[in-house]
Amino acid sequence: MSYQLTIEPIGQTIDIEEGQTVLDACLRAGVWLPHACGHGLCATCKVQVLEGEFEHGEASPFALMDFERDERKILACCATVECDTVIEAEV
């Protein structure tokens, strides 16, 4: 199953497969997101979820603090989506 992932502020929509990370889907579609470690430790890929449901995956509690999780922020390198989703990211 796949979902639609919309990246704001550019307004681009890409397909994202169930279980695929946000970062992997973006890079495969040619949408560059800032990233570094790729393992949920550095927080370089932190983005805001505007709409949709997600799973944080293996995000370090130091890279993504509890209050940021409450604010619907995710680390794109380890988060997966569970439905059509809209994120806001620096691109």
N, C-alpha and C. Protein backbone atom coordinates (compact mmCIF):
# COMPACT_ATOMS: atom_id res chain seq x y z
N MET A 1 0.85 -1.18 0.00
CA MET A 1 0.00 0.00 0.00
C MET A 1 0.89 1.23 0.00
N SER A 2 0.45 2.26 -0.68
CA SER A 2 1.21 3.50 -0.69
C SER A 2 0.30 4.66 -0.31
N TYR A 3 0.95 5.73 0.12
CA TYR A 3 0.25 6.94 0.52
C TYR A 3 0.83 8.12 -0.25
N GLN A 4 0.18 9.27 -0.11
CA GLN A 4 0.67 10.52 -0.69
C GLN A 4 1.34 11.34 0.40
N LEU A 5 2.54 11.81 0.11
CA LEU A 5 3.27 12.68 1.03
C LEU A 5 3.45 14.02 0.34
N THR A 6 2.91 15.07 0.94
CA THR A 6 3.05 16.42 0.39
C THR A 6 4.08 17.17 1.21
N ILE A 7 5.03 17.79 0.52
CA ILE A 7 6.11 18.52 1.17
C ILE A 7 5.87 20.01 0.97
N GLU A 8 5.67 20.71 2.06
CA GLU A 8 5.51 22.16 2.03
C GLU A 8 6.82 22.80 2.47
N PRO A 9 7.20 23.95 2.02
CA PRO A 9 6.39 24.92 1.28
C PRO A 9 6.43 24.74 -0.23
N ILE A 10 7.07 23.72 -0.75
CA ILE A 10 7.16 23.59 -2.22
C ILE A 10 5.90 23.01 -2.84
N GLY A 11 5.04 22.39 -2.04
CA GLY A 11 3.78 21.87 -2.54
C GLY A 11 3.91 20.63 -3.41
N GLN A 12 5.03 19.96 -3.35
CA GLN A 12 5.23 18.75 -4.15
C GLN A 12 4.65 17.54 -3.43
N THR A 13 3.96 16.69 -4.17
CA THR A 13 3.39 15.47 -3.62
C THR A 13 4.09 14.27 -4.25
N ILE A 14 4.49 13.34 -3.40
CA ILE A 14 5.18 12.14 -3.86
C ILE A 14 4.49 10.91 -3.26
N ASP A 15 4.78 9.75 -3.84
CA ASP A 15 4.28 8.50 -3.27
C ASP A 15 5.25 8.03 -2.20
N ILE A 16 4.69 7.45 -1.14
CA ILE A 16 5.49 6.86 -0.08
C ILE A 16 4.88 5.51 0.25
N GLU A 17 5.70 4.49 0.23
CA GLU A 17 5.23 3.14 0.50
C GLU A 17 5.05 2.91 2.00
N GLU A 18 4.13 2.04 2.34
CA GLU A 18 3.94 1.68 3.74
C GLU A 18 5.25 1.12 4.28
N GLY A 19 5.72 1.63 5.43
CA GLY A 19 6.96 1.19 6.03
C GLY A 19 8.20 1.91 5.53
N GLN A 20 8.09 2.72 4.49
CA GLN A 20 9.22 3.48 3.96
C GLN A 20 9.39 4.76 4.78
N THR A 21 10.63 5.13 5.08
CA THR A 21 10.83 6.37 5.83
C THR A 21 10.55 7.58 4.95
N VAL A 22 10.22 8.66 5.61
CA VAL A 22 9.95 9.92 4.91
C VAL A 22 11.19 10.34 4.12
N LEU A 23 12.36 10.25 4.73
CA LEU A 23 13.59 10.65 4.05
C LEU A 23 13.85 9.79 2.82
N ASP A 24 13.71 8.50 2.94
CA ASP A 24 13.96 7.60 1.81
C ASP A 24 13.00 7.91 0.66
N ALA A 25 11.73 8.11 0.95
CA ALA A 25 10.75 8.43 -0.09
C ALA A 25 11.10 9.74 -0.79
N CYS A 26 11.50 10.74 -0.01
CA CYS A 26 11.84 12.04 -0.60
C CYS A 26 13.07 11.93 -1.50
N LEU A 27 14.12 11.30 -1.00
CA LEU A 27 15.35 11.19 -1.80
C LEU A 27 15.12 10.38 -3.07
N ARG A 28 14.35 9.30 -2.98
CA ARG A 28 14.05 8.50 -4.18
C ARG A 28 13.25 9.27 -5.20
N ALA A 29 12.43 10.24 -4.74
CA ALA A 29 11.62 11.05 -5.65
C ALA A 29 12.36 12.30 -6.12
N GLY A 30 13.61 12.48 -5.68
CA GLY A 30 14.38 13.64 -6.10
C GLY A 30 14.14 14.89 -5.29
N VAL A 31 13.53 14.74 -4.12
CA VAL A 31 13.30 15.88 -3.22
C VAL A 31 14.36 15.82 -2.13
N TRP A 32 15.24 16.80 -2.11
CA TRP A 32 16.33 16.81 -1.13
C TRP A 32 15.84 17.38 0.18
N LEU A 33 16.07 16.63 1.25
CA LEU A 33 15.83 17.12 2.61
C LEU A 33 17.17 17.13 3.34
N PRO A 34 17.40 18.12 4.20
CA PRO A 34 18.63 18.09 4.99
C PRO A 34 18.69 16.80 5.81
N HIS A 35 19.85 16.17 5.84
CA HIS A 35 20.03 14.96 6.62
C HIS A 35 21.53 14.73 6.83
N ALA A 36 21.86 13.92 7.80
CA ALA A 36 23.28 13.63 8.07
C ALA A 36 23.45 12.17 8.47
N CYS A 37 23.06 11.81 9.68
CA CYS A 37 23.40 10.47 10.19
C CYS A 37 22.54 9.36 9.61
N GLY A 38 21.28 9.63 9.34
CA GLY A 38 20.38 8.62 8.80
C GLY A 38 19.91 7.59 9.80
N HIS A 39 20.17 7.80 11.09
CA HIS A 39 19.81 6.81 12.12
C HIS A 39 19.03 7.39 13.28
N GLY A 40 18.51 8.61 13.16
CA GLY A 40 17.71 9.20 14.23
C GLY A 40 18.49 9.75 15.39
N LEU A 41 19.76 10.09 15.17
CA LEU A 41 20.60 10.56 16.27
C LEU A 41 20.96 12.04 16.21
N CYS A 42 20.98 12.64 15.03
CA CYS A 42 21.53 14.00 14.91
C CYS A 42 20.48 15.11 14.81
N ALA A 43 19.25 14.79 14.43
CA ALA A 43 18.14 15.75 14.30
C ALA A 43 18.26 16.69 13.11
N THR A 44 19.18 16.45 12.21
CA THR A 44 19.31 17.30 11.03
C THR A 44 18.06 17.23 10.15
N CYS A 45 17.39 16.09 10.14
CA CYS A 45 16.24 15.86 9.26
C CYS A 45 14.90 16.13 9.94
N LYS A 46 14.88 16.89 11.01
CA LYS A 46 13.64 17.16 11.75
C LYS A 46 12.67 17.96 10.89
N VAL A 47 11.43 17.49 10.80
CA VAL A 47 10.38 18.18 10.04
C VAL A 47 9.11 18.23 10.87
N GLN A 48 8.21 19.11 10.46
CA GLN A 48 6.92 19.29 11.13
C GLN A 48 5.84 18.57 10.34
N VAL A 49 5.02 17.77 11.03
CA VAL A 49 3.87 17.13 10.38
C VAL A 49 2.68 18.06 10.53
N LEU A 50 2.12 18.49 9.40
CA LEU A 50 0.97 19.39 9.41
C LEU A 50 -0.34 18.62 9.40
N GLU A 51 -0.37 17.50 8.67
CA GLU A 51 -1.56 16.66 8.58
C GLU A 51 -1.12 15.22 8.46
N GLY A 52 -1.89 14.32 9.03
CA GLY A 52 -1.62 12.90 8.88
C GLY A 52 -1.14 12.23 10.15
N GLU A 53 -1.06 10.91 10.07
CA GLU A 53 -0.62 10.10 11.19
C GLU A 53 0.72 9.44 10.85
N PHE A 54 1.52 9.19 11.86
CA PHE A 54 2.89 8.72 11.64
C PHE A 54 3.36 7.88 12.81
N GLU A 55 4.45 7.19 12.60
CA GLU A 55 5.14 6.43 13.64
C GLU A 55 6.56 6.99 13.72
N HIS A 56 7.03 7.30 14.93
CA HIS A 56 8.35 7.91 15.09
C HIS A 56 9.51 6.98 14.75
N GLY A 57 9.34 5.70 14.86
CA GLY A 57 10.43 4.78 14.60
C GLY A 57 11.48 4.86 15.70
N GLU A 58 12.73 4.74 15.32
CA GLU A 58 13.84 4.66 16.28
C GLU A 58 14.47 6.02 16.59
N ALA A 59 13.69 7.08 16.59
CA ALA A 59 14.22 8.42 16.87
C ALA A 59 14.74 8.50 18.30
N SER A 60 15.96 8.98 18.45
CA SER A 60 16.57 9.14 19.77
C SER A 60 15.80 10.18 20.58
N PRO A 61 15.58 9.93 21.88
CA PRO A 61 14.91 10.93 22.71
C PRO A 61 15.75 12.20 22.90
N PHE A 62 17.03 12.13 22.56
CA PHE A 62 17.87 13.33 22.63
C PHE A 62 17.76 14.15 21.36
N ALA A 63 17.57 13.49 20.22
CA ALA A 63 17.43 14.19 18.94
C ALA A 63 16.01 14.71 18.75
N LEU A 64 15.04 14.02 19.32
CA LEU A 64 13.64 14.43 19.22
C LEU A 64 13.03 14.32 20.62
N MET A 65 12.97 15.46 21.28
CA MET A 65 12.52 15.48 22.67
C MET A 65 11.01 15.31 22.77
N ASP A 66 10.54 14.98 23.97
CA ASP A 66 9.12 14.71 24.19
C ASP A 66 8.24 15.88 23.77
N PHE A 67 8.63 17.11 24.08
CA PHE A 67 7.79 18.25 23.72
C PHE A 67 7.73 18.42 22.21
N GLU A 68 8.80 18.05 21.49
CA GLU A 68 8.78 18.12 20.03
C GLU A 68 7.85 17.04 19.46
N ARG A 69 7.86 15.88 20.06
CA ARG A 69 6.93 14.82 19.64
C ARG A 69 5.49 15.29 19.84
N ASP A 70 5.24 15.96 20.96
CA ASP A 70 3.90 16.50 21.23
C ASP A 70 3.51 17.56 20.21
N GLU A 71 4.49 18.26 19.66
CA GLU A 71 4.25 19.29 18.64
C GLU A 71 4.17 18.70 17.23
N ARG A 72 4.19 17.36 17.12
CA ARG A 72 4.07 16.63 15.86
C ARG A 72 5.29 16.82 14.96
N LYS A 73 6.45 16.87 15.57
CA LYS A 73 7.69 16.87 14.80
C LYS A 73 8.19 15.44 14.69
N ILE A 74 8.89 15.15 13.59
CA ILE A 74 9.44 13.82 13.36
C ILE A 74 10.85 13.95 12.82
N LEU A 75 11.60 12.87 12.90
CA LEU A 75 12.88 12.78 12.20
C LEU A 75 12.61 12.00 10.92
N ALA A 76 12.80 12.65 9.79
CA ALA A 76 12.46 12.05 8.49
C ALA A 76 13.21 10.76 8.22
N CYS A 77 14.38 10.60 8.81
CA CYS A 77 15.20 9.41 8.53
C CYS A 77 14.65 8.14 9.16
N CYS A 78 13.79 8.25 10.15
CA CYS A 78 13.29 7.03 10.79
C CYS A 78 11.77 7.01 10.94
N ALA A 79 11.08 8.07 10.62
CA ALA A 79 9.62 8.11 10.75
C ALA A 79 8.95 7.53 9.51
N THR A 80 7.85 6.84 9.73
CA THR A 80 7.01 6.32 8.66
C THR A 80 5.61 6.91 8.81
N VAL A 81 4.87 6.97 7.70
CA VAL A 81 3.52 7.52 7.75
C VAL A 81 2.50 6.40 7.70
N GLU A 82 1.30 6.68 8.21
CA GLU A 82 0.25 5.68 8.28
C GLU A 82 -0.97 6.06 7.44
N CYS A 83 -0.88 7.19 6.73
CA CYS A 83 -1.95 7.66 5.85
C CYS A 83 -1.38 8.79 5.00
N ASP A 84 -2.20 9.38 4.13
CA ASP A 84 -1.74 10.55 3.38
C ASP A 84 -1.32 11.61 4.39
N THR A 85 -0.16 12.25 4.14
CA THR A 85 0.47 13.12 5.13
C THR A 85 1.03 14.37 4.47
N VAL A 86 1.02 15.47 5.22
CA VAL A 86 1.62 16.73 4.79
C VAL A 86 2.68 17.11 5.81
N ILE A 87 3.90 17.39 5.32
CA ILE A 87 4.98 17.85 6.19
C ILE A 87 5.45 19.22 5.75
N GLU A 88 6.08 19.93 6.68
CA GLU A 88 6.74 21.20 6.37
C GLU A 88 8.23 20.98 6.65
N ALA A 89 9.04 21.27 5.64
CA ALA A 89 10.48 20.99 5.76
C ALA A 89 11.27 22.08 5.05
N GLU A 90 12.53 22.24 5.48
CA GLU A 90 13.45 23.09 4.75
C GLU A 90 13.96 22.28 3.58
N VAL A 91 13.73 22.77 2.37
CA VAL A 91 14.17 22.05 1.18
C VAL A 91 15.10 22.89 0.35
